[in-house]
Amino acid sequence: MEIPHINQFKNKAEKLPQIDFLDDKLKLSLSIDPEAATYLPKIEDIEFETKKEKYRVLLGNINQLSNDEINIEIKGMLEADEDEKDLFYSEGVEHVSPNIGAIEKWVKSIQDAVPEYQDYHFVGDVHTHPVRINELDEGSRPCDPSIGDFNDIISEYNNGNLSADKPFIFCIAGKVDEQMIYAFYRFIKKDNKYMIEEIEQK
């Protein structure tokens, strides 16, 4: 049976079902184009000393599999040129600061200018955690969200840059025993409280 692929953003005139991406009952899975996966950020050894984090924008598409099941397909990564990064995000020590509003306009300008990228929508971001496993509490992973990550994203929902009717996932990249590990997350809202949920990768 052919699975219908519904692009939520392709044609605003289309009557598409409203999706609440913060609904904890919504089943959300993730798939990554193999070529796009090669552009996920890597942690260099020197960054364990400097603690400077890297940031990338996740570009993708929405596939509605059923009334309560969504797959987000990651199709590409976006990195600003060095002299333009401050327009969209800053990469600092143990912290990254994206300007979500500016990033959305940036992605839209690319879509408008390059027809091949019409289906490459802003769906989230990824940043690195250059921390050694022996620097963490027992049972923690380098790719676990920090309190700062949690609070920063909640602030974006509270100020309206992010909203329940648009997808937003985030990935944290860590490195253990020379092996990069990537964990993807979504926010859900339950009993009027924001929570983080790890996303299954297909």
C-alpha atoms as a PDB file:
ATOM      1  CA  MET A   1       0.000   0.000   0.000  1.00  0.00           C
ATOM      2  CA  GLU A   2       1.327   3.413  -0.901  1.00  0.00           C
ATOM      3  CA  ILE A   3       1.824   5.713   2.078  1.00  0.00           C
ATOM      4  CA  PRO A   4       0.491   9.221   1.411  1.00  0.00           C
ATOM      5  CA  HIS A   5       3.161  11.867   1.896  1.00  0.00           C
ATOM      6  CA  ILE A   6       1.709  15.163   3.011  1.00  0.00           C
ATOM      7  CA  ASN A   7       3.910  18.232   3.009  1.00  0.00           C
ATOM      8  CA  GLN A   8       2.424  20.550   5.597  1.00  0.00           C
ATOM      9  CA  PHE A   9       4.000  23.669   4.105  1.00  0.00           C
ATOM     10  CA  LYS A  10       4.079  23.134   0.337  1.00  0.00           C
ATOM     11  CA  ASN A  11       0.793  24.776  -0.574  1.00  0.00           C
ATOM     12  CA  LYS A  12      -0.850  26.981   2.029  1.00  0.00           C
ATOM     13  CA  ALA A  13      -4.095  26.871   0.054  1.00  0.00           C
ATOM     14  CA  GLU A  14      -4.453  23.116   0.568  1.00  0.00           C
ATOM     15  CA  LYS A  15      -6.811  21.953   3.311  1.00  0.00           C
ATOM     16  CA  LEU A  16      -4.466  19.971   5.520  1.00  0.00           C
ATOM     17  CA  PRO A  17      -5.274  18.609   8.976  1.00  0.00           C
ATOM     18  CA  GLN A  18      -4.000  20.694  11.874  1.00  0.00           C
ATOM     19  CA  ILE A  19      -1.147  18.940  13.656  1.00  0.00           C
ATOM     20  CA  ASP A  20      -0.231  19.614  17.267  1.00  0.00           C
ATOM     21  CA  PHE A  21       3.449  18.705  17.421  1.00  0.00           C
ATOM     22  CA  LEU A  22       3.465  19.129  21.196  1.00  0.00           C
ATOM     23  CA  ASP A  23       0.733  16.523  21.668  1.00  0.00           C
ATOM     24  CA  ASP A  24       2.223  13.631  23.672  1.00  0.00           C
ATOM     25  CA  LYS A  25      -0.166  11.234  21.901  1.00  0.00           C
ATOM     26  CA  LEU A  26       1.275  12.126  18.491  1.00  0.00           C
ATOM     27  CA  LYS A  27       3.663   9.410  17.336  1.00  0.00           C
ATOM     28  CA  LEU A  28       6.695  11.080  15.820  1.00  0.00           C
ATOM     29  CA  SER A  29       9.513   9.197  14.142  1.00  0.00           C
ATOM     30  CA  LEU A  30      12.604  10.359  12.283  1.00  0.00           C
ATOM     31  CA  SER A  31      14.444   9.339   9.156  1.00  0.00           C
ATOM     32  CA  ILE A  32      17.658  10.835   7.796  1.00  0.00           C
ATOM     33  CA  ASP A  33      18.833  10.929   4.216  1.00  0.00           C
ATOM     34  CA  PRO A  34      22.213   9.091   4.167  1.00  0.00           C
ATOM     35  CA  GLU A  35      23.942  11.970   2.402  1.00  0.00           C
ATOM     36  CA  ALA A  36      22.519  14.495   4.875  1.00  0.00           C
ATOM     37  CA  ALA A  37      23.803  12.348   7.745  1.00  0.00           C
ATOM     38  CA  THR A  38      27.375  12.847   6.535  1.00  0.00           C
ATOM     39  CA  TYR A  39      27.019  16.584   7.324  1.00  0.00           C
ATOM     40  CA  LEU A  40      26.079  16.116  10.976  1.00  0.00           C
ATOM     41  CA  PRO A  41      28.666  18.042  13.025  1.00  0.00           C
ATOM     42  CA  LYS A  42      31.691  16.184  14.367  1.00  0.00           C
ATOM     43  CA  ILE A  43      33.606  16.913  17.567  1.00  0.00           C
ATOM     44  CA  GLU A  44      37.335  17.521  17.185  1.00  0.00           C
ATOM     45  CA  ASP A  45      39.699  16.586  20.026  1.00  0.00           C
ATOM     46  CA  ILE A  46      40.665  20.222  20.626  1.00  0.00           C
ATOM     47  CA  GLU A  47      37.021  21.034  21.339  1.00  0.00           C
ATOM     48  CA  PHE A  48      37.136  18.846  24.462  1.00  0.00           C
ATOM     49  CA  GLU A  49      39.545  21.483  25.778  1.00  0.00           C
ATOM     50  CA  THR A  50      37.936  24.654  24.415  1.00  0.00           C
ATOM     51  CA  LYS A  51      34.354  23.414  25.072  1.00  0.00           C
ATOM     52  CA  LYS A  52      33.213  25.412  22.050  1.00  0.00           C
ATOM     53  CA  GLU A  53      30.026  23.970  20.590  1.00  0.00           C
ATOM     54  CA  LYS A  54      29.019  23.695  16.908  1.00  0.00           C
ATOM     55  CA  TYR A  55      25.569  24.433  15.517  1.00  0.00           C
ATOM     56  CA  ARG A  56      23.729  23.383  12.345  1.00  0.00           C
ATOM     57  CA  VAL A  57      20.195  23.912  11.050  1.00  0.00           C
ATOM     58  CA  LEU A  58      18.156  20.790  10.225  1.00  0.00           C
ATOM     59  CA  LEU A  59      16.229  20.924   6.937  1.00  0.00           C
ATOM     60  CA  GLY A  60      13.536  18.419   6.099  1.00  0.00           C
ATOM     61  CA  ASN A  61       9.992  17.507   5.253  1.00  0.00           C
ATOM     62  CA  ILE A  62       6.896  16.210   7.039  1.00  0.00           C
ATOM     63  CA  ASN A  63       5.305  12.889   6.094  1.00  0.00           C
ATOM     64  CA  GLN A  64       1.921  12.152   7.656  1.00  0.00           C
ATOM     65  CA  LEU A  65       1.611   8.376   7.985  1.00  0.00           C
ATOM     66  CA  SER A  66      -1.782   8.331   9.720  1.00  0.00           C
ATOM     67  CA  ASN A  67      -4.008  10.614  11.785  1.00  0.00           C
ATOM     68  CA  ASP A  68      -1.740  10.228  14.810  1.00  0.00           C
ATOM     69  CA  GLU A  69       1.612   9.362  13.269  1.00  0.00           C
ATOM     70  CA  ILE A  70       4.174  11.685  11.684  1.00  0.00           C
ATOM     71  CA  ASN A  71       7.597  11.034  10.207  1.00  0.00           C
ATOM     72  CA  ILE A  72      10.099  13.874   9.895  1.00  0.00           C
ATOM     73  CA  GLU A  73      12.564  13.288   7.086  1.00  0.00           C
ATOM     74  CA  ILE A  74      15.883  15.104   7.487  1.00  0.00           C
ATOM     75  CA  LYS A  75      17.073  16.022   4.001  1.00  0.00           C
ATOM     76  CA  GLY A  76      19.937  18.415   4.660  1.00  0.00           C
ATOM     77  CA  MET A  77      21.995  20.564   7.031  1.00  0.00           C
ATOM     78  CA  LEU A  78      22.570  24.294   6.829  1.00  0.00           C
ATOM     79  CA  GLU A  79      25.684  26.046   8.095  1.00  0.00           C
ATOM     80  CA  ALA A  80      26.277  29.779   7.797  1.00  0.00           C
ATOM     81  CA  ASP A  81      29.476  31.194   6.349  1.00  0.00           C
ATOM     82  CA  GLU A  82      31.888  32.305   9.049  1.00  0.00           C
ATOM     83  CA  ASP A  83      31.319  36.014   8.391  1.00  0.00           C
ATOM     84  CA  GLU A  84      27.518  35.607   8.512  1.00  0.00           C
ATOM     85  CA  LYS A  85      27.069  33.315  11.507  1.00  0.00           C
ATOM     86  CA  ASP A  86      26.277  36.143  13.890  1.00  0.00           C
ATOM     87  CA  LEU A  87      23.221  36.969  11.779  1.00  0.00           C
ATOM     88  CA  PHE A  88      21.675  33.574  12.553  1.00  0.00           C
ATOM     89  CA  TYR A  89      23.389  31.949  15.537  1.00  0.00           C
ATOM     90  CA  SER A  90      26.399  32.115  17.801  1.00  0.00           C
ATOM     91  CA  GLU A  91      28.621  29.196  18.798  1.00  0.00           C
ATOM     92  CA  GLY A  92      30.112  29.653  22.245  1.00  0.00           C
ATOM     93  CA  VAL A  93      31.682  27.833  25.151  1.00  0.00           C
ATOM     94  CA  GLU A  94      29.223  25.229  26.432  1.00  0.00           C
ATOM     95  CA  HIS A  95      26.395  27.117  24.745  1.00  0.00           C
ATOM     96  CA  VAL A  96      24.860  27.946  21.372  1.00  0.00           C
ATOM     97  CA  SER A  97      22.389  30.774  20.745  1.00  0.00           C
ATOM     98  CA  PRO A  98      20.236  30.484  17.611  1.00  0.00           C
ATOM     99  CA  ASN A  99      18.064  33.309  16.319  1.00  0.00           C
ATOM    100  CA  ILE A 100      15.078  31.191  15.304  1.00  0.00           C
ATOM    101  CA  GLY A 101      13.207  34.017  13.591  1.00  0.00           C
ATOM    102  CA  ALA A 102      16.226  34.934  11.462  1.00  0.00           C
ATOM    103  CA  ILE A 103      16.896  31.278  10.627  1.00  0.00           C
ATOM    104  CA  GLU A 104      13.324  30.746   9.386  1.00  0.00           C
ATOM    105  CA  LYS A 105      13.617  33.799   7.103  1.00  0.00           C
ATOM    106  CA  TRP A 106      17.016  32.562   5.888  1.00  0.00           C
ATOM    107  CA  VAL A 107      15.613  29.143   4.986  1.00  0.00           C
ATOM    108  CA  LYS A 108      12.604  30.729   3.252  1.00  0.00           C
ATOM    109  CA  SER A 109      14.899  32.958   1.186  1.00  0.00           C
ATOM    110  CA  ILE A 110      16.824  29.884   0.020  1.00  0.00           C
ATOM    111  CA  GLN A 111      13.591  28.095  -0.911  1.00  0.00           C
ATOM    112  CA  ASP A 112      12.422  31.120  -2.886  1.00  0.00           C
ATOM    113  CA  ALA A 113      15.747  31.448  -4.707  1.00  0.00           C
ATOM    114  CA  VAL A 114      16.449  27.779  -5.456  1.00  0.00           C
ATOM    115  CA  PRO A 115      13.477  25.690  -6.680  1.00  0.00           C
ATOM    116  CA  GLU A 116      15.252  22.401  -5.876  1.00  0.00           C
ATOM    117  CA  TYR A 117      15.085  23.297  -2.168  1.00  0.00           C
ATOM    118  CA  GLN A 118      11.314  23.864  -2.000  1.00  0.00           C
ATOM    119  CA  ASP A 119      10.912  20.796   0.230  1.00  0.00           C
ATOM    120  CA  TYR A 120      13.833  21.674   2.524  1.00  0.00           C
ATOM    121  CA  HIS A 121      12.010  23.277   5.451  1.00  0.00           C
ATOM    122  CA  PHE A 122      13.333  24.382   8.812  1.00  0.00           C
ATOM    123  CA  VAL A 123      12.476  21.490  11.146  1.00  0.00           C
ATOM    124  CA  GLY A 124      15.001  21.936  13.949  1.00  0.00           C
ATOM    125  CA  ASP A 125      18.673  22.095  14.796  1.00  0.00           C
ATOM    126  CA  VAL A 126      21.669  20.146  16.024  1.00  0.00           C
ATOM    127  CA  HIS A 127      24.558  21.154  18.246  1.00  0.00           C
ATOM    128  CA  THR A 128      27.530  19.434  19.811  1.00  0.00           C
ATOM    129  CA  HIS A 129      28.336  18.709  23.441  1.00  0.00           C
ATOM    130  CA  PRO A 130      32.145  18.426  23.551  1.00  0.00           C
ATOM    131  CA  VAL A 131      32.343  16.817  26.977  1.00  0.00           C
ATOM    132  CA  ARG A 132      34.209  13.679  28.028  1.00  0.00           C
ATOM    133  CA  ILE A 133      32.270  10.845  29.591  1.00  0.00           C
ATOM    134  CA  ASN A 134      34.333  11.061  32.796  1.00  0.00           C
ATOM    135  CA  GLU A 135      33.183  14.673  33.244  1.00  0.00           C
ATOM    136  CA  LEU A 136      29.535  13.617  33.477  1.00  0.00           C
ATOM    137  CA  ASP A 137      27.419  12.284  36.293  1.00  0.00           C
ATOM    138  CA  GLU A 138      27.102   8.516  36.389  1.00  0.00           C
ATOM    139  CA  GLY A 139      24.496   7.303  33.905  1.00  0.00           C
ATOM    140  CA  SER A 140      24.579  10.490  31.839  1.00  0.00           C
ATOM    141  CA  ARG A 141      25.488  10.703  28.143  1.00  0.00           C
ATOM    142  CA  PRO A 142      27.240  13.520  26.261  1.00  0.00           C
ATOM    143  CA  CYS A 143      24.185  13.673  23.994  1.00  0.00           C
ATOM    144  CA  ASP A 144      21.740  14.295  26.856  1.00  0.00           C
ATOM    145  CA  PRO A 145      20.084  17.748  26.869  1.00  0.00           C
ATOM    146  CA  SER A 146      21.370  20.213  29.424  1.00  0.00           C
ATOM    147  CA  ILE A 147      19.205  22.415  31.626  1.00  0.00           C
ATOM    148  CA  GLY A 148      20.301  25.305  29.407  1.00  0.00           C
ATOM    149  CA  ASP A 149      19.108  23.478  26.284  1.00  0.00           C
ATOM    150  CA  PHE A 150      15.743  22.807  27.926  1.00  0.00           C
ATOM    151  CA  ASN A 151      15.213  26.382  29.104  1.00  0.00           C
ATOM    152  CA  ASP A 152      16.378  27.972  25.832  1.00  0.00           C
ATOM    153  CA  ILE A 153      13.821  26.043  23.776  1.00  0.00           C
ATOM    154  CA  ILE A 154      10.996  26.709  26.230  1.00  0.00           C
ATOM    155  CA  SER A 155      11.827  30.416  25.900  1.00  0.00           C
ATOM    156  CA  GLU A 156      11.419  30.140  22.111  1.00  0.00           C
ATOM    157  CA  TYR A 157       7.944  28.628  22.592  1.00  0.00           C
ATOM    158  CA  ASN A 158       7.007  31.272  25.151  1.00  0.00           C
ATOM    159  CA  ASN A 159       8.090  34.173  22.929  1.00  0.00           C
ATOM    160  CA  GLY A 160       6.311  32.769  19.865  1.00  0.00           C
ATOM    161  CA  ASN A 161       9.319  31.891  17.690  1.00  0.00           C
ATOM    162  CA  LEU A 162       8.299  28.240  18.039  1.00  0.00           C
ATOM    163  CA  SER A 163       4.697  27.020  18.136  1.00  0.00           C
ATOM    164  CA  ALA A 164       2.763  23.768  18.449  1.00  0.00           C
ATOM    165  CA  ASP A 165       1.578  23.841  14.820  1.00  0.00           C
ATOM    166  CA  LYS A 166       5.130  23.713  13.441  1.00  0.00           C
ATOM    167  CA  PRO A 167       7.612  20.871  13.866  1.00  0.00           C
ATOM    168  CA  PHE A 168      10.729  21.406  15.922  1.00  0.00           C
ATOM    169  CA  ILE A 169      13.195  18.673  16.763  1.00  0.00           C
ATOM    170  CA  PHE A 170      16.678  19.045  18.125  1.00  0.00           C
ATOM    171  CA  CYS A 171      19.700  16.816  18.055  1.00  0.00           C
ATOM    172  CA  ILE A 172      22.648  16.716  20.421  1.00  0.00           C
ATOM    173  CA  ALA A 173      25.936  15.259  19.252  1.00  0.00           C
ATOM    174  CA  GLY A 174      28.442  13.691  21.629  1.00  0.00           C
ATOM    175  CA  LYS A 175      31.553  11.592  21.288  1.00  0.00           C
ATOM    176  CA  VAL A 176      32.507   8.488  23.255  1.00  0.00           C
ATOM    177  CA  ASP A 177      35.605   6.354  22.572  1.00  0.00           C
ATOM    178  CA  GLU A 178      36.234   8.202  19.270  1.00  0.00           C
ATOM    179  CA  GLN A 179      32.689   7.363  18.134  1.00  0.00           C
ATOM    180  CA  MET A 180      30.169  10.115  17.383  1.00  0.00           C
ATOM    181  CA  ILE A 181      26.723   9.564  18.854  1.00  0.00           C
ATOM    182  CA  TYR A 182      23.596  11.539  17.956  1.00  0.00           C
ATOM    183  CA  ALA A 183      20.354  11.688  19.908  1.00  0.00           C
ATOM    184  CA  PHE A 184      17.223  13.400  18.576  1.00  0.00           C
ATOM    185  CA  TYR A 185      14.520  14.912  20.749  1.00  0.00           C
ATOM    186  CA  ARG A 186      11.139  16.615  20.598  1.00  0.00           C
ATOM    187  CA  PHE A 187       9.211  18.702  23.083  1.00  0.00           C
ATOM    188  CA  ILE A 188       5.799  17.601  24.288  1.00  0.00           C
ATOM    189  CA  LYS A 189       3.342  19.370  26.555  1.00  0.00           C
ATOM    190  CA  LYS A 190       1.493  17.367  29.185  1.00  0.00           C
ATOM    191  CA  ASP A 191      -0.612  18.782  32.012  1.00  0.00           C
ATOM    192  CA  ASN A 192       0.520  22.215  30.830  1.00  0.00           C
ATOM    193  CA  LYS A 193       4.192  21.325  31.392  1.00  0.00           C
ATOM    194  CA  TYR A 194       6.909  21.036  28.760  1.00  0.00           C
ATOM    195  CA  MET A 195       8.844  17.771  28.630  1.00  0.00           C
ATOM    196  CA  ILE A 196      11.545  16.289  26.402  1.00  0.00           C
ATOM    197  CA  GLU A 197      11.076  12.988  24.609  1.00  0.00           C
ATOM    198  CA  GLU A 198      13.730  11.122  22.616  1.00  0.00           C
ATOM    199  CA  ILE A 199      12.689  10.337  19.050  1.00  0.00           C
ATOM    200  CA  GLU A 200      12.886   6.931  17.420  1.00  0.00           C
ATOM    201  CA  GLN A 201      15.032   6.878  14.283  1.00  0.00           C
ATOM    202  CA  LYS A 202      13.854   4.798  11.319  1.00  0.00           C
END
